[in-house]
Amino acid sequence: MTLGQKIKDLRTQRGMTQEQLTDAIYVTRAAISKWETGKGYPGIDSLKLLA
């Protein structure tokens, strides 16, 4: 399982939309989309907030 798949799985398990996650960790929806599709990776600050 990739990091992006893990982020998406955990987000959907919690019933969150990408928009709700963006509000929680202060990034754009495009960033979340890139992470979930493997086209980008979260920075250390975002990883801390995701944890």
N, C-alpha and C. Protein backbone atom coordinates (compact mmCIF):
# COMPACT_ATOMS: atom_id res chain seq x y z
N MET A 1 0.85 -1.18 0.00
CA MET A 1 0.00 0.00 0.00
C MET A 1 0.89 1.24 0.00
N THR A 2 0.55 2.18 -0.85
CA THR A 2 1.32 3.42 -0.91
C THR A 2 0.84 4.41 0.14
N LEU A 3 1.64 5.43 0.36
CA LEU A 3 1.24 6.48 1.31
C LEU A 3 -0.07 7.14 0.87
N GLY A 4 -0.18 7.40 -0.41
CA GLY A 4 -1.41 8.02 -0.93
C GLY A 4 -2.63 7.16 -0.70
N GLN A 5 -2.51 5.87 -0.92
CA GLN A 5 -3.63 4.96 -0.68
C GLN A 5 -3.99 4.94 0.80
N LYS A 6 -2.98 4.97 1.66
CA LYS A 6 -3.22 4.96 3.10
C LYS A 6 -3.96 6.24 3.53
N ILE A 7 -3.54 7.39 3.01
CA ILE A 7 -4.20 8.65 3.33
C ILE A 7 -5.66 8.60 2.91
N LYS A 8 -5.90 8.13 1.68
CA LYS A 8 -7.28 8.06 1.18
C LYS A 8 -8.11 7.08 2.00
N ASP A 9 -7.56 5.91 2.30
CA ASP A 9 -8.31 4.91 3.08
C ASP A 9 -8.69 5.45 4.45
N LEU A 10 -7.73 6.07 5.13
CA LEU A 10 -8.02 6.60 6.46
C LEU A 10 -9.01 7.75 6.41
N ARG A 11 -8.89 8.59 5.38
CA ARG A 11 -9.83 9.71 5.22
C ARG A 11 -11.25 9.19 5.00
N THR A 12 -11.40 8.21 4.11
CA THR A 12 -12.74 7.70 3.83
C THR A 12 -13.29 6.88 4.99
N GLN A 13 -12.44 6.18 5.73
CA GLN A 13 -12.90 5.45 6.91
C GLN A 13 -13.50 6.39 7.95
N ARG A 14 -12.97 7.59 8.00
CA ARG A 14 -13.47 8.58 8.96
C ARG A 14 -14.63 9.40 8.39
N GLY A 15 -15.04 9.08 7.17
CA GLY A 15 -16.17 9.76 6.55
C GLY A 15 -15.87 11.19 6.16
N MET A 16 -14.61 11.48 5.88
CA MET A 16 -14.21 12.85 5.52
C MET A 16 -14.08 13.00 4.01
N THR A 17 -14.47 14.18 3.53
CA THR A 17 -14.21 14.53 2.14
C THR A 17 -12.82 15.14 2.05
N GLN A 18 -12.34 15.29 0.83
CA GLN A 18 -11.05 15.97 0.66
C GLN A 18 -11.13 17.39 1.21
N GLU A 19 -12.25 18.05 0.99
CA GLU A 19 -12.44 19.42 1.49
C GLU A 19 -12.34 19.48 3.01
N GLN A 20 -12.95 18.52 3.69
CA GLN A 20 -12.89 18.51 5.15
C GLN A 20 -11.46 18.28 5.63
N LEU A 21 -10.72 17.44 4.93
CA LEU A 21 -9.32 17.21 5.31
C LEU A 21 -8.48 18.46 5.07
N THR A 22 -8.76 19.18 3.99
CA THR A 22 -8.01 20.41 3.73
C THR A 22 -8.22 21.42 4.85
N ASP A 23 -9.43 21.50 5.36
CA ASP A 23 -9.72 22.41 6.47
C ASP A 23 -8.98 22.00 7.74
N ALA A 24 -8.82 20.71 7.93
CA ALA A 24 -8.18 20.21 9.14
C ALA A 24 -6.67 20.39 9.15
N ILE A 25 -6.04 20.32 7.95
CA ILE A 25 -4.57 20.39 7.93
C ILE A 25 -4.02 21.56 7.11
N TYR A 26 -4.90 22.45 6.68
CA TYR A 26 -4.49 23.73 6.08
C TYR A 26 -3.69 23.58 4.78
N VAL A 27 -4.18 22.73 3.88
CA VAL A 27 -3.58 22.61 2.55
C VAL A 27 -4.72 22.71 1.53
N THR A 28 -4.38 22.74 0.26
CA THR A 28 -5.40 22.83 -0.78
C THR A 28 -5.95 21.45 -1.10
N ARG A 29 -7.13 21.44 -1.71
CA ARG A 29 -7.71 20.17 -2.13
C ARG A 29 -6.86 19.54 -3.22
N ALA A 30 -6.24 20.37 -4.04
CA ALA A 30 -5.35 19.85 -5.09
C ALA A 30 -4.17 19.09 -4.48
N ALA A 31 -3.66 19.58 -3.37
CA ALA A 31 -2.55 18.90 -2.69
C ALA A 31 -3.00 17.52 -2.21
N ILE A 32 -4.18 17.46 -1.60
CA ILE A 32 -4.70 16.18 -1.12
C ILE A 32 -4.86 15.22 -2.29
N SER A 33 -5.40 15.71 -3.38
CA SER A 33 -5.61 14.89 -4.57
C SER A 33 -4.27 14.34 -5.08
N LYS A 34 -3.26 15.18 -5.14
CA LYS A 34 -1.94 14.74 -5.60
C LYS A 34 -1.36 13.67 -4.68
N TRP A 35 -1.53 13.86 -3.38
CA TRP A 35 -1.02 12.86 -2.43
C TRP A 35 -1.71 11.52 -2.65
N GLU A 36 -3.04 11.56 -2.79
CA GLU A 36 -3.80 10.32 -2.91
C GLU A 36 -3.56 9.60 -4.23
N THR A 37 -3.17 10.33 -5.26
CA THR A 37 -2.90 9.70 -6.55
C THR A 37 -1.42 9.41 -6.76
N GLY A 38 -0.59 9.74 -5.79
CA GLY A 38 0.84 9.46 -5.88
C GLY A 38 1.62 10.44 -6.73
N LYS A 39 1.02 11.58 -7.05
CA LYS A 39 1.70 12.59 -7.87
C LYS A 39 2.43 13.62 -7.02
N GLY A 40 2.35 13.48 -5.72
CA GLY A 40 3.02 14.39 -4.80
C GLY A 40 3.02 13.77 -3.42
N TYR A 41 3.79 14.36 -2.53
CA TYR A 41 3.89 13.85 -1.17
C TYR A 41 3.78 14.99 -0.18
N PRO A 42 3.16 14.73 0.96
CA PRO A 42 3.02 15.79 1.96
C PRO A 42 4.37 16.13 2.59
N GLY A 43 4.50 17.40 2.94
CA GLY A 43 5.70 17.85 3.65
C GLY A 43 5.64 17.40 5.09
N ILE A 44 6.73 17.61 5.80
CA ILE A 44 6.82 17.15 7.19
C ILE A 44 5.75 17.80 8.06
N ASP A 45 5.46 19.07 7.85
CA ASP A 45 4.43 19.74 8.65
C ASP A 45 3.05 19.13 8.43
N SER A 46 2.75 18.82 7.16
CA SER A 46 1.46 18.19 6.86
C SER A 46 1.40 16.78 7.42
N LEU A 47 2.50 16.05 7.37
CA LEU A 47 2.53 14.70 7.94
C LEU A 47 2.26 14.75 9.44
N LYS A 48 2.82 15.74 10.11
CA LYS A 48 2.57 15.87 11.55
C LYS A 48 1.09 16.08 11.83
N LEU A 49 0.45 16.93 11.02
CA LEU A 49 -0.98 17.20 11.21
C LEU A 49 -1.84 15.99 10.87
N LEU A 50 -1.41 15.24 9.87
CA LEU A 50 -2.14 14.02 9.52
C LEU A 50 -2.06 12.98 10.64
N ALA A 51 -0.93 12.96 11.29
CA ALA A 51 -0.74 11.96 12.37
C ALA A 51 -1.68 12.28 13.51
